Every structure is written in structure tokens, then in C-alpha cells.
Amino acid sequence: LAGGLDLETGDATQHAIDLAYLNDLIVLDRRFNPATPDEPAPTAAAQRVITESHRPLLVVEESGEAALMARVLLVHDTRRAFDEGLFLAAYLAEQWRVSLAVLPIGNARNTDAVVQRAGDYLAMHEVEPQYLPPVRPARSLADTIIATAGEVEADLIILPAPGRGRNGANQPNLNDTIFAVLRRWPRAALIAS
């Protein structure tokens, strides 16, 4: 692969956000640009890049060894008209032959119809995922995602894009769920845009 090295001084977080507009995928360490050496991951800087970059973002650990993905859990937000996570999952399953499990987040009004459309899209790409029962967007959503990823032995979780969803007594903002998953999930996570 051809590569280049870009060295700049200044605000690393803002620079990462600016570069996102020029790139198709951002790879970011959970411990990106910590304010203090013991700041928990994902750092405030990483959270800002995640919420402001508007590009697919692969969040990784600094741990060293990168394993090839074999099993992917797609967290499919059926409340959205457009879910780039579905397209990313289809590409990975079709091109890289990963095993795919789909965990729909639904509001029960049209969940079945949206899951059917997603299934039609995946079938068009000759992808046969494991469909899991839909879950509601409750405060325990991060726990459900982590537990499900463990059950399907996922190497990667594909999460919906941040910034959508609503705050409420039972439906936390999706950003909170994403950050909760990133705090506890030890492997890579791909956040759709």
C-alpha cells in the first residue's frame, strides 16, 4: 500500500475532524488524545471525533495484535430511513465472507417491515445473516449489545451513527449507548455515519 505521513501541530482533535471530511474511513484509538494519562476510554477527544466526523469510524485498541474479523454483529437501527451500517455489513459479509448477525433496534411500529427490507437488501448481496429478536431502545441497550456480541462471538460490532435518537426516561440518546459500548467492548467497533 502506498502511504504518507502528515505532521501538524495544534489541536489534534480538530485536525482529526477536519481530515474526516477528506477521507472515507477514520481509524481511531479509544485512547486518542487523552487530557490526562489516566482518562478512561473513550476519551473526551475520541468522543468528540466520533460525534463530529460524520464518516464511518473504526474504533480500535492500542493493544498491538489485530485479528482478522470472522464474525460481525450489526446493530441495525430500524427507526431510521437510512442506515449506512447495513451497507457496511453487507460489504464485509459479501467481500470478506464474514459471518453476520443482525440485532435490530426497533420501536415495534414498523420494525418487521424494516427488518424485511434489510433482509431483502442483504439477500440481494447473497448474504445470509443470523437474525436476532428485535430489542427496544431502552437504557439497558448497551448491556444488551455487549451480551449479544458475546453470545454470537463477534469480533466486530457495527453501531449506528451517533447524534440521533432521543432523550427520555426509557430511551437514552444513542451517543450514550455508543460510548457505553466502547467503554466495555474490548474489541473493534465500526460506527456508521
Protein backbone atom coordinates (compact mmCIF):
# COMPACT_ATOMS: atom_id res chain seq x y z
CA LEU A 1 0.00 0.00 0.00
CA ALA A 2 1.13 3.49 -0.71
CA GLY A 3 1.12 5.75 2.32
CA GLY A 4 2.10 9.15 3.53
CA LEU A 5 2.91 10.84 6.80
CA ASP A 6 1.24 14.12 7.71
CA LEU A 7 2.74 16.01 10.66
CA GLU A 8 0.96 19.05 12.04
CA THR A 9 0.92 20.97 15.27
CA GLY A 10 -2.11 22.32 17.06
CA ASP A 11 -5.40 20.83 18.19
CA ALA A 12 -5.19 17.12 17.32
CA THR A 13 -8.91 16.60 17.86
CA GLN A 14 -9.93 19.37 15.48
CA HIS A 15 -7.37 18.18 12.96
CA ALA A 16 -8.85 14.65 13.06
CA ILE A 17 -12.34 16.08 12.48
CA ASP A 18 -11.09 18.23 9.60
CA LEU A 19 -9.37 15.24 7.98
CA ALA A 20 -12.60 13.24 8.23
CA TYR A 21 -14.15 15.39 5.53
CA LEU A 22 -11.42 14.27 3.11
CA ASN A 23 -11.46 10.54 3.89
CA ASP A 24 -13.90 7.64 3.62
CA LEU A 25 -12.92 5.88 6.85
CA ILE A 26 -11.32 7.08 10.06
CA VAL A 27 -9.42 4.66 12.31
CA LEU A 28 -9.29 5.93 15.86
CA ASP A 29 -7.79 4.61 19.08
CA ARG A 30 -10.22 4.73 22.03
CA ARG A 31 -7.43 6.45 23.98
CA PHE A 32 -7.00 9.18 21.33
CA ASN A 33 -5.57 12.45 22.70
CA PRO A 34 -6.26 11.94 26.43
CA ALA A 35 -6.50 15.04 28.62
CA THR A 36 -4.74 13.13 31.43
CA PRO A 37 -2.75 9.87 31.33
CA ASP A 38 -5.47 8.03 33.28
CA GLU A 39 -8.51 9.39 31.39
CA PRO A 40 -10.88 6.47 30.74
CA ALA A 41 -11.59 5.39 27.18
CA PRO A 42 -13.19 6.55 25.04
CA THR A 43 -11.54 9.86 25.85
CA ALA A 44 -13.43 13.13 25.55
CA ALA A 45 -11.38 13.83 22.41
CA ALA A 46 -12.34 10.47 20.88
CA GLN A 47 -15.99 11.12 21.73
CA ARG A 48 -15.82 14.49 20.00
CA VAL A 49 -14.30 12.96 16.85
CA ILE A 50 -16.98 10.25 16.86
CA THR A 51 -19.85 12.73 17.14
CA GLU A 52 -18.48 15.39 14.76
CA SER A 53 -16.70 13.49 11.99
CA HIS A 54 -19.77 12.27 10.04
CA ARG A 55 -17.77 9.44 8.46
CA PRO A 56 -17.55 5.72 9.21
CA LEU A 57 -15.16 5.34 12.10
CA LEU A 58 -13.32 2.20 13.15
CA VAL A 59 -12.53 2.40 16.86
CA VAL A 60 -9.64 0.16 17.88
CA GLU A 61 -7.50 -0.64 20.88
CA GLU A 62 -3.81 0.19 21.10
CA SER A 63 -3.16 -3.38 22.24
CA GLY A 64 -0.98 -4.43 19.33
CA GLU A 65 -2.23 -7.57 17.61
CA ALA A 66 -5.03 -7.04 15.12
CA ALA A 67 -7.05 -10.14 14.30
CA LEU A 68 -8.93 -10.67 11.09
CA MET A 69 -12.67 -10.47 11.52
CA ALA A 70 -14.69 -13.65 11.19
CA ARG A 71 -17.93 -12.75 12.99
CA VAL A 72 -19.69 -9.37 12.92
CA LEU A 73 -22.68 -8.12 14.90
CA LEU A 74 -24.67 -5.42 13.12
CA VAL A 75 -26.76 -3.26 15.46
CA HIS A 76 -29.40 -2.17 12.94
CA ASP A 77 -31.45 0.88 13.96
CA THR A 78 -34.80 0.24 12.27
CA ARG A 79 -36.05 3.67 13.40
CA ARG A 80 -34.00 5.33 10.64
CA ALA A 81 -34.87 5.60 6.98
CA PHE A 82 -31.20 5.19 6.04
CA ASP A 83 -28.69 3.03 7.90
CA GLU A 84 -25.16 3.03 6.50
CA GLY A 85 -24.29 0.28 8.96
CA LEU A 86 -26.39 -2.11 6.87
CA PHE A 87 -24.39 -1.24 3.74
CA LEU A 88 -21.07 -1.64 5.58
CA ALA A 89 -22.18 -5.01 6.97
CA ALA A 90 -23.29 -6.21 3.53
CA TYR A 91 -19.92 -5.24 2.08
CA LEU A 92 -17.97 -7.04 4.82
CA ALA A 93 -20.11 -10.18 4.54
CA GLU A 94 -20.03 -10.23 0.74
CA GLN A 95 -16.39 -9.27 0.14
CA TRP A 96 -14.66 -10.62 3.25
CA ARG A 97 -17.00 -13.57 3.86
CA VAL A 98 -17.55 -12.75 7.50
CA SER A 99 -20.41 -14.34 9.39
CA LEU A 100 -23.07 -11.71 10.12
CA ALA A 101 -25.62 -11.48 12.94
CA VAL A 102 -28.21 -8.70 12.89
CA LEU A 103 -29.61 -7.19 16.10
CA PRO A 104 -32.47 -4.83 15.18
CA ILE A 105 -33.28 -1.87 17.43
CA GLY A 106 -36.96 -1.25 16.95
CA ASN A 107 -39.91 0.77 18.10
CA ALA A 108 -42.40 -2.02 17.24
CA ARG A 109 -44.44 0.15 14.83
CA ASN A 110 -42.62 -0.80 11.66
CA THR A 111 -39.74 -2.95 12.88
CA ASP A 112 -40.83 -6.07 10.99
CA ALA A 113 -41.17 -4.18 7.69
CA VAL A 114 -37.76 -2.50 8.07
CA VAL A 115 -36.10 -5.79 9.04
CA GLN A 116 -37.68 -7.36 5.95
CA ARG A 117 -36.28 -4.59 3.72
CA ALA A 118 -32.86 -5.06 5.31
CA GLY A 119 -33.15 -8.80 4.69
CA ASP A 120 -34.05 -8.15 1.05
CA TYR A 121 -31.00 -5.90 0.68
CA LEU A 122 -28.70 -8.49 2.24
CA ALA A 123 -30.21 -11.28 0.12
CA MET A 124 -29.56 -9.21 -3.00
CA HIS A 125 -25.88 -9.32 -1.99
CA GLU A 126 -26.11 -13.07 -1.28
CA VAL A 127 -25.62 -12.53 2.44
CA GLU A 128 -27.47 -14.87 4.81
CA PRO A 129 -27.20 -13.39 8.31
CA GLN A 130 -28.42 -14.70 11.61
CA TYR A 131 -31.40 -12.54 12.61
CA LEU A 132 -31.82 -11.91 16.32
CA PRO A 133 -35.04 -10.81 18.01
CA PRO A 134 -35.53 -7.00 17.92
CA VAL A 135 -34.75 -5.04 21.07
CA ARG A 136 -36.24 -1.78 22.24
CA PRO A 137 -34.06 1.32 22.65
CA ALA A 138 -34.06 1.23 26.46
CA ARG A 139 -31.47 2.34 29.00
CA SER A 140 -30.13 -1.22 29.05
CA LEU A 141 -29.40 -1.20 25.29
CA ALA A 142 -25.62 -1.08 25.76
CA ASP A 143 -25.80 -4.11 28.09
CA THR A 144 -27.91 -5.96 25.52
CA ILE A 145 -25.48 -5.15 22.70
CA ILE A 146 -22.45 -6.31 24.73
CA ALA A 147 -24.19 -9.51 25.85
CA THR A 148 -25.37 -10.29 22.32
CA ALA A 149 -21.91 -9.68 20.86
CA GLY A 150 -20.54 -12.17 23.38
CA GLU A 151 -23.23 -14.74 22.56
CA VAL A 152 -22.54 -14.61 18.80
CA GLU A 153 -18.77 -14.47 19.48
CA ALA A 154 -18.41 -11.26 17.45
CA ASP A 155 -15.01 -9.91 16.50
CA LEU A 156 -16.53 -6.58 15.46
CA ILE A 157 -19.66 -4.63 16.35
CA ILE A 158 -21.14 -2.28 13.75
CA LEU A 159 -23.00 0.50 15.57
CA PRO A 160 -25.41 3.10 14.17
CA ALA A 161 -24.23 6.66 13.65
CA PRO A 162 -24.27 8.97 16.67
CA GLY A 163 -26.35 12.08 17.12
CA ARG A 164 -29.74 10.59 16.56
CA GLY A 165 -32.33 9.14 18.87
CA ARG A 166 -33.98 10.99 21.68
CA ASN A 167 -33.52 11.51 25.32
CA GLY A 168 -36.23 10.30 27.60
CA ALA A 169 -36.92 8.25 30.66
CA ASN A 170 -36.63 4.97 28.76
CA GLN A 171 -34.85 5.95 25.53
CA PRO A 172 -31.37 7.38 26.08
CA ASN A 173 -29.59 9.32 23.37
CA LEU A 174 -27.82 6.91 21.03
CA ASN A 175 -24.49 8.66 21.74
CA ASP A 176 -24.69 7.49 25.36
CA THR A 177 -25.24 3.92 24.17
CA ILE A 178 -22.33 4.08 21.73
CA PHE A 179 -19.94 5.42 24.37
CA ALA A 180 -21.13 2.84 26.92
CA VAL A 181 -20.44 0.04 24.41
CA LEU A 182 -16.99 1.47 23.62
CA ARG A 183 -16.13 1.66 27.33
CA ARG A 184 -16.86 -2.03 27.83
CA TRP A 185 -16.38 -3.79 24.48
CA PRO A 186 -12.72 -4.88 24.27
CA ARG A 187 -12.59 -5.39 20.50
CA ALA A 188 -13.04 -3.18 17.46
CA ALA A 189 -16.26 -1.30 16.75
CA LEU A 190 -17.25 0.27 13.44
CA ILE A 191 -19.52 3.29 13.81
CA ALA A 192 -21.54 4.11 10.72
CA SER A 193 -22.01 7.68 9.60
